[in-house]
Amino acid sequence: MSTNDVDLPEALAELRDAFLETPERDRLQLLLEVSRELPPLPARYADAPERLERVQECQSPVYAFAEVDDAGVVAFHASAPEEAPTTRGFASILAQGLTGLTAQQVLDVPEDYPLQLGLTKVVSLLRLNGMAGMLTRAKRQVREQLAAAEA
């Protein structure tokens, strides 16, 4: 069974399908459109940026945090500069796709999800590694919060 056969949560599957259904030559434009949909940071993060973690895999200064509430529901927050629309697009995909999921659903997202978007010919692997870094951090942050809640 390939990772594409894994049941993705609806929002992530819809985003993936939107990219795959878009002609390859237009996928970068779609990513730029998605970049404009990155939700603003909640005030508690905008006013305290040290609560966000720098994503070292990104060339641009990207900061992100996956927050698990008392009901076990995740909200993914990220900031990425306007002048880095590709990276901002990746952050927006994860913010839209991870927010509202249960902690377990986030942990179950395939590690290769960034590669499933069909962007390997229009975006450098280095940039895709940045998105993978955001996803890896989100999962680690979720695991840490679950462990702290159990302690």
C-alpha atoms as a PDB file:
ATOM      1  CA  MET A   1       0.000   0.000   0.000  1.00  0.00           C
ATOM      2  CA  SER A   2       1.501   3.334  -1.002  1.00  0.00           C
ATOM      3  CA  THR A   3       1.198   6.396   1.196  1.00  0.00           C
ATOM      4  CA  ASN A   4      -1.179   7.874  -1.402  1.00  0.00           C
ATOM      5  CA  ASP A   5      -3.607   5.100  -0.429  1.00  0.00           C
ATOM      6  CA  VAL A   6      -3.594   6.167   3.217  1.00  0.00           C
ATOM      7  CA  ASP A   7      -6.802   7.914   4.184  1.00  0.00           C
ATOM      8  CA  LEU A   8      -5.916  11.557   4.584  1.00  0.00           C
ATOM      9  CA  PRO A   9      -8.085  13.874   6.628  1.00  0.00           C
ATOM     10  CA  GLU A  10     -10.560  15.645   4.354  1.00  0.00           C
ATOM     11  CA  ALA A  11      -8.914  19.089   4.288  1.00  0.00           C
ATOM     12  CA  LEU A  12      -5.465  17.672   3.444  1.00  0.00           C
ATOM     13  CA  ALA A  13      -6.941  15.349   0.802  1.00  0.00           C
ATOM     14  CA  GLU A  14      -8.840  18.247  -0.783  1.00  0.00           C
ATOM     15  CA  LEU A  15      -5.726  20.411  -0.893  1.00  0.00           C
ATOM     16  CA  ARG A  16      -3.671  17.558  -2.388  1.00  0.00           C
ATOM     17  CA  ASP A  17      -6.368  16.842  -4.965  1.00  0.00           C
ATOM     18  CA  ALA A  18      -6.627  20.525  -5.911  1.00  0.00           C
ATOM     19  CA  PHE A  19      -2.919  20.534  -6.752  1.00  0.00           C
ATOM     20  CA  LEU A  20      -3.013  17.211  -8.592  1.00  0.00           C
ATOM     21  CA  GLU A  21      -6.054  18.272 -10.635  1.00  0.00           C
ATOM     22  CA  THR A  22      -4.312  21.513 -11.651  1.00  0.00           C
ATOM     23  CA  PRO A  23      -2.108  21.281 -14.744  1.00  0.00           C
ATOM     24  CA  GLU A  24       1.517  21.053 -13.634  1.00  0.00           C
ATOM     25  CA  ARG A  25       2.418  24.368 -15.292  1.00  0.00           C
ATOM     26  CA  ASP A  26      -0.235  26.135 -13.135  1.00  0.00           C
ATOM     27  CA  ARG A  27       0.538  24.515  -9.775  1.00  0.00           C
ATOM     28  CA  LEU A  28       2.994  27.197  -8.688  1.00  0.00           C
ATOM     29  CA  GLN A  29       0.291  29.810  -9.294  1.00  0.00           C
ATOM     30  CA  LEU A  30      -2.112  27.777  -7.138  1.00  0.00           C
ATOM     31  CA  LEU A  31       0.523  27.635  -4.390  1.00  0.00           C
ATOM     32  CA  LEU A  32       0.853  31.430  -4.561  1.00  0.00           C
ATOM     33  CA  GLU A  33      -2.934  31.768  -4.252  1.00  0.00           C
ATOM     34  CA  VAL A  34      -2.932  29.448  -1.228  1.00  0.00           C
ATOM     35  CA  SER A  35      -0.129  31.541   0.315  1.00  0.00           C
ATOM     36  CA  ARG A  36      -2.533  34.481   0.545  1.00  0.00           C
ATOM     37  CA  GLU A  37      -4.852  32.334   2.688  1.00  0.00           C
ATOM     38  CA  LEU A  38      -2.403  31.858   5.570  1.00  0.00           C
ATOM     39  CA  PRO A  39      -4.416  32.816   8.640  1.00  0.00           C
ATOM     40  CA  PRO A  40      -2.970  35.595  10.787  1.00  0.00           C
ATOM     41  CA  LEU A  41      -1.404  34.562  14.066  1.00  0.00           C
ATOM     42  CA  PRO A  42      -3.667  34.714  17.106  1.00  0.00           C
ATOM     43  CA  ALA A  43      -2.747  37.625  19.375  1.00  0.00           C
ATOM     44  CA  ARG A  44      -1.216  35.292  21.987  1.00  0.00           C
ATOM     45  CA  TYR A  45       1.431  34.322  19.402  1.00  0.00           C
ATOM     46  CA  ALA A  46       1.719  37.613  17.540  1.00  0.00           C
ATOM     47  CA  ASP A  47       2.431  39.316  20.872  1.00  0.00           C
ATOM     48  CA  ALA A  48       4.827  36.580  22.045  1.00  0.00           C
ATOM     49  CA  PRO A  49       6.737  35.286  19.021  1.00  0.00           C
ATOM     50  CA  GLU A  50       9.082  33.305  21.282  1.00  0.00           C
ATOM     51  CA  ARG A  51       6.204  30.805  21.724  1.00  0.00           C
ATOM     52  CA  LEU A  52       6.651  29.863  18.057  1.00  0.00           C
ATOM     53  CA  GLU A  53       9.457  27.588  16.888  1.00  0.00           C
ATOM     54  CA  ARG A  54      11.766  28.552  14.022  1.00  0.00           C
ATOM     55  CA  VAL A  55      11.626  26.047  11.164  1.00  0.00           C
ATOM     56  CA  GLN A  56      15.323  25.649  10.386  1.00  0.00           C
ATOM     57  CA  GLU A  57      14.694  23.683   7.171  1.00  0.00           C
ATOM     58  CA  CYS A  58      13.124  26.782   5.589  1.00  0.00           C
ATOM     59  CA  GLN A  59      15.386  29.295   3.921  1.00  0.00           C
ATOM     60  CA  SER A  60      12.977  32.071   4.909  1.00  0.00           C
ATOM     61  CA  PRO A  61      12.309  32.944   8.552  1.00  0.00           C
ATOM     62  CA  VAL A  62       9.302  30.728   9.250  1.00  0.00           C
ATOM     63  CA  TYR A  63       7.932  30.188  12.725  1.00  0.00           C
ATOM     64  CA  ALA A  64       5.277  27.637  13.596  1.00  0.00           C
ATOM     65  CA  PHE A  65       3.489  25.948  16.454  1.00  0.00           C
ATOM     66  CA  ALA A  66       0.925  23.160  16.640  1.00  0.00           C
ATOM     67  CA  GLU A  67      -1.296  23.688  19.645  1.00  0.00           C
ATOM     68  CA  VAL A  68      -3.438  20.934  21.177  1.00  0.00           C
ATOM     69  CA  ASP A  69      -6.458  22.118  23.155  1.00  0.00           C
ATOM     70  CA  ASP A  70      -8.095  20.381  26.120  1.00  0.00           C
ATOM     71  CA  ALA A  71     -10.362  18.415  23.767  1.00  0.00           C
ATOM     72  CA  GLY A  72      -7.339  17.059  21.859  1.00  0.00           C
ATOM     73  CA  VAL A  73      -7.976  19.210  18.776  1.00  0.00           C
ATOM     74  CA  VAL A  74      -4.999  20.759  16.984  1.00  0.00           C
ATOM     75  CA  ALA A  75      -4.548  24.290  15.666  1.00  0.00           C
ATOM     76  CA  PHE A  76      -1.477  24.904  13.513  1.00  0.00           C
ATOM     77  CA  HIS A  77      -0.173  28.488  13.577  1.00  0.00           C
ATOM     78  CA  ALA A  78       2.593  29.823  11.375  1.00  0.00           C
ATOM     79  CA  SER A  79       4.174  33.043  10.255  1.00  0.00           C
ATOM     80  CA  ALA A  80       6.084  33.395   7.017  1.00  0.00           C
ATOM     81  CA  PRO A  81       7.151  36.604   5.268  1.00  0.00           C
ATOM     82  CA  GLU A  82       5.059  37.976   2.400  1.00  0.00           C
ATOM     83  CA  GLU A  83       8.214  38.005   0.241  1.00  0.00           C
ATOM     84  CA  ALA A  84       8.477  34.202   0.583  1.00  0.00           C
ATOM     85  CA  PRO A  85       5.207  33.146  -1.075  1.00  0.00           C
ATOM     86  CA  THR A  86       6.242  29.547  -1.721  1.00  0.00           C
ATOM     87  CA  THR A  87       7.112  28.924   1.910  1.00  0.00           C
ATOM     88  CA  ARG A  88       4.062  30.892   2.975  1.00  0.00           C
ATOM     89  CA  GLY A  89       1.975  28.653   0.718  1.00  0.00           C
ATOM     90  CA  PHE A  90       3.318  25.529   2.417  1.00  0.00           C
ATOM     91  CA  ALA A  91       2.565  27.024   5.841  1.00  0.00           C
ATOM     92  CA  SER A  92      -0.946  27.875   4.652  1.00  0.00           C
ATOM     93  CA  ILE A  93      -1.545  24.318   3.404  1.00  0.00           C
ATOM     94  CA  LEU A  94      -0.579  22.949   6.813  1.00  0.00           C
ATOM     95  CA  ALA A  95      -2.561  25.592   8.703  1.00  0.00           C
ATOM     96  CA  GLN A  96      -5.663  24.790   6.667  1.00  0.00           C
ATOM     97  CA  GLY A  97      -5.070  21.053   6.641  1.00  0.00           C
ATOM     98  CA  LEU A  98      -4.013  20.373  10.238  1.00  0.00           C
ATOM     99  CA  THR A  99      -6.199  22.830  12.125  1.00  0.00           C
ATOM    100  CA  GLY A 100      -9.296  21.114  13.452  1.00  0.00           C
ATOM    101  CA  LEU A 101      -7.823  17.619  13.356  1.00  0.00           C
ATOM    102  CA  THR A 102      -7.430  15.443  16.412  1.00  0.00           C
ATOM    103  CA  ALA A 103      -3.925  14.974  17.731  1.00  0.00           C
ATOM    104  CA  GLN A 104      -3.937  11.386  16.437  1.00  0.00           C
ATOM    105  CA  GLN A 105      -5.006  12.477  12.954  1.00  0.00           C
ATOM    106  CA  VAL A 106      -2.065  14.895  12.847  1.00  0.00           C
ATOM    107  CA  LEU A 107       0.325  12.174  13.974  1.00  0.00           C
ATOM    108  CA  ASP A 108      -1.053   9.881  11.250  1.00  0.00           C
ATOM    109  CA  VAL A 109      -0.382  12.327   8.372  1.00  0.00           C
ATOM    110  CA  PRO A 110       2.171  10.630   6.096  1.00  0.00           C
ATOM    111  CA  GLU A 111       5.666  12.101   6.309  1.00  0.00           C
ATOM    112  CA  ASP A 112       5.739  12.335   2.515  1.00  0.00           C
ATOM    113  CA  TYR A 113       2.580  14.462   2.307  1.00  0.00           C
ATOM    114  CA  PRO A 114       4.566  17.430   0.869  1.00  0.00           C
ATOM    115  CA  LEU A 115       5.663  15.187  -2.019  1.00  0.00           C
ATOM    116  CA  GLN A 116       2.054  14.108  -2.669  1.00  0.00           C
ATOM    117  CA  LEU A 117       1.140  17.636  -3.829  1.00  0.00           C
ATOM    118  CA  GLY A 118       2.718  17.132  -7.248  1.00  0.00           C
ATOM    119  CA  LEU A 119       5.059  20.099  -6.910  1.00  0.00           C
ATOM    120  CA  THR A 120       8.404  18.352  -7.346  1.00  0.00           C
ATOM    121  CA  LYS A 121       8.869  19.704 -10.889  1.00  0.00           C
ATOM    122  CA  VAL A 122       7.873  23.301 -10.103  1.00  0.00           C
ATOM    123  CA  VAL A 123       9.397  23.809  -6.637  1.00  0.00           C
ATOM    124  CA  SER A 124      12.884  22.815  -5.500  1.00  0.00           C
ATOM    125  CA  LEU A 125      13.320  19.828  -3.242  1.00  0.00           C
ATOM    126  CA  LEU A 126      14.969  22.204  -0.757  1.00  0.00           C
ATOM    127  CA  ARG A 127      11.707  24.148  -0.488  1.00  0.00           C
ATOM    128  CA  LEU A 128       9.672  20.958  -0.163  1.00  0.00           C
ATOM    129  CA  ASN A 129      12.027  19.946   2.660  1.00  0.00           C
ATOM    130  CA  GLY A 130      10.953  23.158   4.391  1.00  0.00           C
ATOM    131  CA  MET A 131       7.340  22.019   4.327  1.00  0.00           C
ATOM    132  CA  ALA A 132       8.399  18.581   5.560  1.00  0.00           C
ATOM    133  CA  GLY A 133      10.220  20.346   8.416  1.00  0.00           C
ATOM    134  CA  MET A 134       7.035  22.196   9.351  1.00  0.00           C
ATOM    135  CA  LEU A 135       5.075  18.922   9.386  1.00  0.00           C
ATOM    136  CA  THR A 136       7.761  17.124  11.425  1.00  0.00           C
ATOM    137  CA  ARG A 137       7.780  19.934  13.994  1.00  0.00           C
ATOM    138  CA  ALA A 138       3.986  19.973  14.206  1.00  0.00           C
ATOM    139  CA  LYS A 139       3.951  16.248  14.945  1.00  0.00           C
ATOM    140  CA  ARG A 140       6.710  16.557  17.555  1.00  0.00           C
ATOM    141  CA  GLN A 141       4.935  19.471  19.231  1.00  0.00           C
ATOM    142  CA  VAL A 142       1.685  17.459  19.333  1.00  0.00           C
ATOM    143  CA  ARG A 143       3.492  14.460  20.853  1.00  0.00           C
ATOM    144  CA  GLU A 144       5.147  16.693  23.474  1.00  0.00           C
ATOM    145  CA  GLN A 145       1.837  18.254  24.482  1.00  0.00           C
ATOM    146  CA  LEU A 146       0.121  14.880  24.701  1.00  0.00           C
ATOM    147  CA  ALA A 147       2.945  13.594  26.912  1.00  0.00           C
ATOM    148  CA  ALA A 148       2.751  16.679  29.141  1.00  0.00           C
ATOM    149  CA  ALA A 149      -1.018  16.255  29.493  1.00  0.00           C
ATOM    150  CA  GLU A 150      -0.533  12.655  30.609  1.00  0.00           C
ATOM    151  CA  ALA A 151       2.162  13.565  33.155  1.00  0.00           C
END
